[in-house]
Amino acid sequence: MKYSENRKSHNSLKVISKILNEWDPLGVSKYVADEYDMYIGGLIYELDRGCNVKEMSEILDGIVRGRMGVRPNSDSNYIAASKLLEHWRKFEIASE
């Protein structure tokens, strides 16, 4: 079942937003709660297509470098990618 077809999507968006705020490559989530929400749609697309942790980490790296214009922290990106994939696996199991 695709993400947009699932009734639990709203709660999943909150979890993904929380993960991105913990990732916080700009250090602003304390002040701006939705700073990274603009990336959720693209990340969900990648999760839904089945990306792995390495690919997601590289995607986050590209966002930080290309969209935010700052130096990426590979360790932080890998941790966030792992959390995103862990959440997505749980979400998919709960959606079955």
N, C-alpha and C. Protein backbone atom coordinates (compact mmCIF):
# COMPACT_ATOMS: atom_id res chain seq x y z
N MET A 1 0.84 -1.18 0.00
CA MET A 1 0.00 0.00 0.00
C MET A 1 0.89 1.25 0.00
N LYS A 2 0.62 2.16 -0.89
CA LYS A 2 1.41 3.37 -1.00
C LYS A 2 1.10 4.31 0.17
N TYR A 3 2.09 5.12 0.49
CA TYR A 3 2.02 6.03 1.63
C TYR A 3 0.75 6.86 1.63
N SER A 4 0.46 7.52 0.54
CA SER A 4 -0.67 8.45 0.49
C SER A 4 -2.02 7.75 0.63
N GLU A 5 -2.06 6.44 0.49
CA GLU A 5 -3.31 5.70 0.58
C GLU A 5 -3.60 5.24 2.01
N ASN A 6 -2.70 5.48 2.94
CA ASN A 6 -2.83 4.92 4.27
C ASN A 6 -3.37 5.94 5.25
N ARG A 7 -4.31 5.52 6.10
CA ARG A 7 -4.94 6.42 7.06
C ARG A 7 -4.02 6.83 8.20
N LYS A 8 -2.90 6.15 8.38
CA LYS A 8 -1.95 6.48 9.45
C LYS A 8 -0.89 7.48 8.97
N SER A 9 -1.07 8.01 7.79
CA SER A 9 -0.07 8.89 7.19
C SER A 9 0.21 10.13 8.04
N HIS A 10 -0.83 10.71 8.62
CA HIS A 10 -0.66 11.93 9.39
C HIS A 10 0.31 11.73 10.55
N ASN A 11 0.15 10.65 11.30
CA ASN A 11 1.06 10.37 12.41
C ASN A 11 2.48 10.12 11.90
N SER A 12 2.59 9.48 10.76
CA SER A 12 3.90 9.21 10.18
C SER A 12 4.60 10.52 9.82
N LEU A 13 3.85 11.48 9.29
CA LEU A 13 4.44 12.79 8.96
C LEU A 13 5.02 13.45 10.20
N LYS A 14 4.32 13.33 11.31
CA LYS A 14 4.82 13.90 12.57
C LYS A 14 6.13 13.24 12.99
N VAL A 15 6.20 11.93 12.85
CA VAL A 15 7.41 11.21 13.22
C VAL A 15 8.57 11.62 12.32
N ILE A 16 8.33 11.70 11.03
CA ILE A 16 9.38 12.10 10.09
C ILE A 16 9.84 13.53 10.39
N SER A 17 8.91 14.42 10.67
CA SER A 17 9.26 15.79 11.02
C SER A 17 10.12 15.83 12.28
N LYS A 18 9.78 15.02 13.26
CA LYS A 18 10.55 14.94 14.51
C LYS A 18 11.98 14.45 14.23
N ILE A 19 12.09 13.42 13.39
CA ILE A 19 13.42 12.90 13.03
C ILE A 19 14.26 13.99 12.35
N LEU A 20 13.63 14.73 11.45
CA LEU A 20 14.36 15.79 10.75
C LEU A 20 14.76 16.92 11.71
N ASN A 21 13.90 17.22 12.67
CA ASN A 21 14.25 18.24 13.66
C ASN A 21 15.38 17.78 14.58
N GLU A 22 15.46 16.50 14.85
CA GLU A 22 16.58 15.96 15.63
C GLU A 22 17.87 16.01 14.80
N TRP A 23 17.75 15.76 13.52
CA TRP A 23 18.88 15.83 12.58
C TRP A 23 19.43 17.26 12.55
N ASP A 24 18.59 18.22 12.29
CA ASP A 24 18.82 19.66 12.42
C ASP A 24 20.19 20.16 11.95
N PRO A 25 20.52 20.00 10.67
CA PRO A 25 21.85 20.41 10.20
C PRO A 25 22.10 21.92 10.28
N LEU A 26 21.05 22.72 10.36
CA LEU A 26 21.22 24.17 10.46
C LEU A 26 21.20 24.67 11.90
N GLY A 27 20.82 23.79 12.83
CA GLY A 27 20.77 24.19 14.23
C GLY A 27 19.67 25.17 14.57
N VAL A 28 18.53 25.05 13.86
CA VAL A 28 17.45 26.02 14.06
C VAL A 28 16.14 25.41 14.56
N SER A 29 16.09 24.10 14.70
CA SER A 29 14.80 23.47 15.02
C SER A 29 14.25 23.91 16.38
N LYS A 30 15.12 24.39 17.24
CA LYS A 30 14.69 24.92 18.54
C LYS A 30 13.81 26.16 18.35
N TYR A 31 14.04 26.87 17.25
CA TYR A 31 13.34 28.13 16.98
C TYR A 31 12.29 28.01 15.89
N VAL A 32 12.50 27.11 14.94
CA VAL A 32 11.59 26.96 13.79
C VAL A 32 11.21 25.49 13.68
N ALA A 33 10.02 25.14 14.12
CA ALA A 33 9.60 23.74 14.22
C ALA A 33 9.41 23.05 12.87
N ASP A 34 9.16 23.82 11.81
CA ASP A 34 8.87 23.20 10.52
C ASP A 34 9.93 23.48 9.46
N GLU A 35 11.12 23.83 9.89
CA GLU A 35 12.20 24.22 8.95
C GLU A 35 12.48 23.16 7.89
N TYR A 36 12.40 21.89 8.26
CA TYR A 36 12.80 20.82 7.34
C TYR A 36 11.61 20.10 6.71
N ASP A 37 10.40 20.54 7.04
CA ASP A 37 9.21 19.86 6.52
C ASP A 37 9.10 19.89 5.00
N MET A 38 9.74 20.86 4.37
CA MET A 38 9.68 20.95 2.91
C MET A 38 10.36 19.76 2.22
N TYR A 39 11.17 19.03 2.96
CA TYR A 39 11.88 17.89 2.39
C TYR A 39 11.13 16.57 2.59
N ILE A 40 10.07 16.58 3.38
CA ILE A 40 9.38 15.34 3.73
C ILE A 40 8.84 14.62 2.50
N GLY A 41 8.21 15.33 1.59
CA GLY A 41 7.63 14.70 0.41
C GLY A 41 8.65 13.93 -0.41
N GLY A 42 9.78 14.54 -0.67
CA GLY A 42 10.84 13.87 -1.42
C GLY A 42 11.43 12.68 -0.69
N LEU A 43 11.56 12.83 0.64
CA LEU A 43 12.10 11.72 1.43
C LEU A 43 11.12 10.55 1.46
N ILE A 44 9.83 10.84 1.56
CA ILE A 44 8.81 9.78 1.53
C ILE A 44 8.86 9.06 0.18
N TYR A 45 9.02 9.81 -0.88
CA TYR A 45 9.13 9.20 -2.20
C TYR A 45 10.29 8.19 -2.22
N GLU A 46 11.44 8.59 -1.71
CA GLU A 46 12.61 7.72 -1.69
C GLU A 46 12.39 6.51 -0.78
N LEU A 47 11.78 6.73 0.37
CA LEU A 47 11.47 5.62 1.27
C LEU A 47 10.49 4.64 0.62
N ASP A 48 9.49 5.19 -0.03
CA ASP A 48 8.46 4.37 -0.67
C ASP A 48 9.02 3.56 -1.84
N ARG A 49 10.03 4.08 -2.49
CA ARG A 49 10.62 3.34 -3.61
C ARG A 49 11.61 2.28 -3.12
N GLY A 50 11.94 2.32 -1.81
CA GLY A 50 12.77 1.26 -1.23
C GLY A 50 14.24 1.58 -1.07
N CYS A 51 14.59 2.84 -0.91
CA CYS A 51 16.01 3.17 -0.75
C CYS A 51 16.58 2.53 0.51
N ASN A 52 17.89 2.37 0.54
CA ASN A 52 18.54 1.81 1.72
C ASN A 52 19.17 2.94 2.54
N VAL A 53 19.78 2.59 3.66
CA VAL A 53 20.35 3.60 4.56
C VAL A 53 21.44 4.42 3.87
N LYS A 54 22.30 3.76 3.12
CA LYS A 54 23.38 4.48 2.43
C LYS A 54 22.80 5.49 1.44
N GLU A 55 21.81 5.07 0.67
CA GLU A 55 21.19 5.98 -0.30
C GLU A 55 20.51 7.15 0.40
N MET A 56 19.78 6.87 1.48
CA MET A 56 19.10 7.94 2.21
C MET A 56 20.11 8.90 2.81
N SER A 57 21.20 8.37 3.33
CA SER A 57 22.25 9.22 3.88
C SER A 57 22.82 10.14 2.80
N GLU A 58 23.01 9.60 1.61
CA GLU A 58 23.51 10.40 0.49
C GLU A 58 22.48 11.46 0.06
N ILE A 59 21.21 11.11 0.13
CA ILE A 59 20.15 12.07 -0.19
C ILE A 59 20.19 13.23 0.81
N LEU A 60 20.30 12.90 2.10
CA LEU A 60 20.39 13.94 3.12
C LEU A 60 21.64 14.78 2.92
N ASP A 61 22.73 14.14 2.56
CA ASP A 61 23.98 14.84 2.27
C ASP A 61 23.77 15.86 1.13
N GLY A 62 23.06 15.43 0.10
CA GLY A 62 22.78 16.31 -1.03
C GLY A 62 21.89 17.48 -0.65
N ILE A 63 20.93 17.23 0.23
CA ILE A 63 20.05 18.31 0.70
C ILE A 63 20.87 19.35 1.47
N VAL A 64 21.71 18.87 2.36
CA VAL A 64 22.52 19.78 3.18
C VAL A 64 23.47 20.59 2.30
N ARG A 65 24.16 19.91 1.41
CA ARG A 65 25.15 20.57 0.56
C ARG A 65 24.49 21.44 -0.51
N GLY A 66 23.52 20.88 -1.21
CA GLY A 66 22.95 21.56 -2.36
C GLY A 66 21.84 22.54 -2.05
N ARG A 67 20.95 22.18 -1.15
CA ARG A 67 19.80 23.04 -0.86
C ARG A 67 20.07 24.02 0.29
N MET A 68 20.83 23.56 1.29
CA MET A 68 21.08 24.42 2.45
C MET A 68 22.39 25.18 2.34
N GLY A 69 23.29 24.68 1.49
CA GLY A 69 24.55 25.36 1.26
C GLY A 69 25.53 25.31 2.42
N VAL A 70 25.42 24.26 3.22
CA VAL A 70 26.37 24.11 4.34
C VAL A 70 27.09 22.78 4.20
N ARG A 71 28.14 22.63 4.97
CA ARG A 71 28.94 21.40 4.93
C ARG A 71 28.18 20.28 5.65
N PRO A 72 27.96 19.17 4.98
CA PRO A 72 27.23 18.07 5.60
C PRO A 72 28.05 17.34 6.67
N ASN A 73 27.35 16.78 7.63
CA ASN A 73 27.95 15.94 8.65
C ASN A 73 27.52 14.51 8.33
N SER A 74 28.41 13.73 7.76
CA SER A 74 28.07 12.38 7.30
C SER A 74 27.54 11.50 8.42
N ASP A 75 28.11 11.62 9.62
CA ASP A 75 27.64 10.81 10.75
C ASP A 75 26.20 11.16 11.11
N SER A 76 25.92 12.45 11.19
CA SER A 76 24.56 12.91 11.51
C SER A 76 23.58 12.48 10.42
N ASN A 77 24.00 12.57 9.17
CA ASN A 77 23.13 12.16 8.06
C ASN A 77 22.84 10.66 8.13
N TYR A 78 23.85 9.88 8.47
CA TYR A 78 23.67 8.43 8.55
C TYR A 78 22.72 8.06 9.69
N ILE A 79 22.86 8.73 10.82
CA ILE A 79 21.97 8.47 11.96
C ILE A 79 20.53 8.82 11.59
N ALA A 80 20.33 9.98 10.98
CA ALA A 80 18.98 10.39 10.57
C ALA A 80 18.43 9.41 9.53
N ALA A 81 19.25 9.01 8.58
CA ALA A 81 18.81 8.05 7.56
C ALA A 81 18.38 6.74 8.20
N SER A 82 19.15 6.27 9.17
CA SER A 82 18.81 5.03 9.88
C SER A 82 17.47 5.15 10.59
N LYS A 83 17.26 6.29 11.24
CA LYS A 83 15.98 6.52 11.95
C LYS A 83 14.81 6.59 10.97
N LEU A 84 15.02 7.25 9.84
CA LEU A 84 13.96 7.34 8.83
C LEU A 84 13.59 5.95 8.31
N LEU A 85 14.59 5.13 8.00
CA LEU A 85 14.30 3.80 7.50
C LEU A 85 13.68 2.91 8.56
N GLU A 86 14.11 3.03 9.79
CA GLU A 86 13.51 2.26 10.88
C GLU A 86 12.04 2.64 11.04
N HIS A 87 11.75 3.94 11.04
CA HIS A 87 10.36 4.38 11.12
C HIS A 87 9.56 3.84 9.94
N TRP A 88 10.12 3.92 8.75
CA TRP A 88 9.39 3.50 7.55
C TRP A 88 9.06 2.01 7.59
N ARG A 89 9.99 1.20 8.08
CA ARG A 89 9.71 -0.24 8.20
C ARG A 89 8.56 -0.48 9.15
N LYS A 90 8.57 0.21 10.28
CA LYS A 90 7.48 0.07 11.26
C LYS A 90 6.16 0.54 10.67
N PHE A 91 6.21 1.64 9.92
CA PHE A 91 5.02 2.20 9.30
C PHE A 91 4.44 1.21 8.29
N GLU A 92 5.31 0.61 7.48
CA GLU A 92 4.85 -0.34 6.48
C GLU A 92 4.23 -1.58 7.13
N ILE A 93 4.83 -2.07 8.20
CA ILE A 93 4.28 -3.24 8.91
C ILE A 93 2.91 -2.89 9.49
N ALA A 94 2.79 -1.71 10.10
CA ALA A 94 1.53 -1.30 10.70
C ALA A 94 0.45 -1.08 9.64
N SER A 95 0.86 -0.81 8.41
CA SER A 95 -0.08 -0.52 7.33
C SER A 95 -0.59 -1.77 6.64
N GLU A 96 0.01 -2.90 6.92
CA GLU A 96 -0.39 -4.14 6.23
C GLU A 96 -1.72 -4.66 6.75
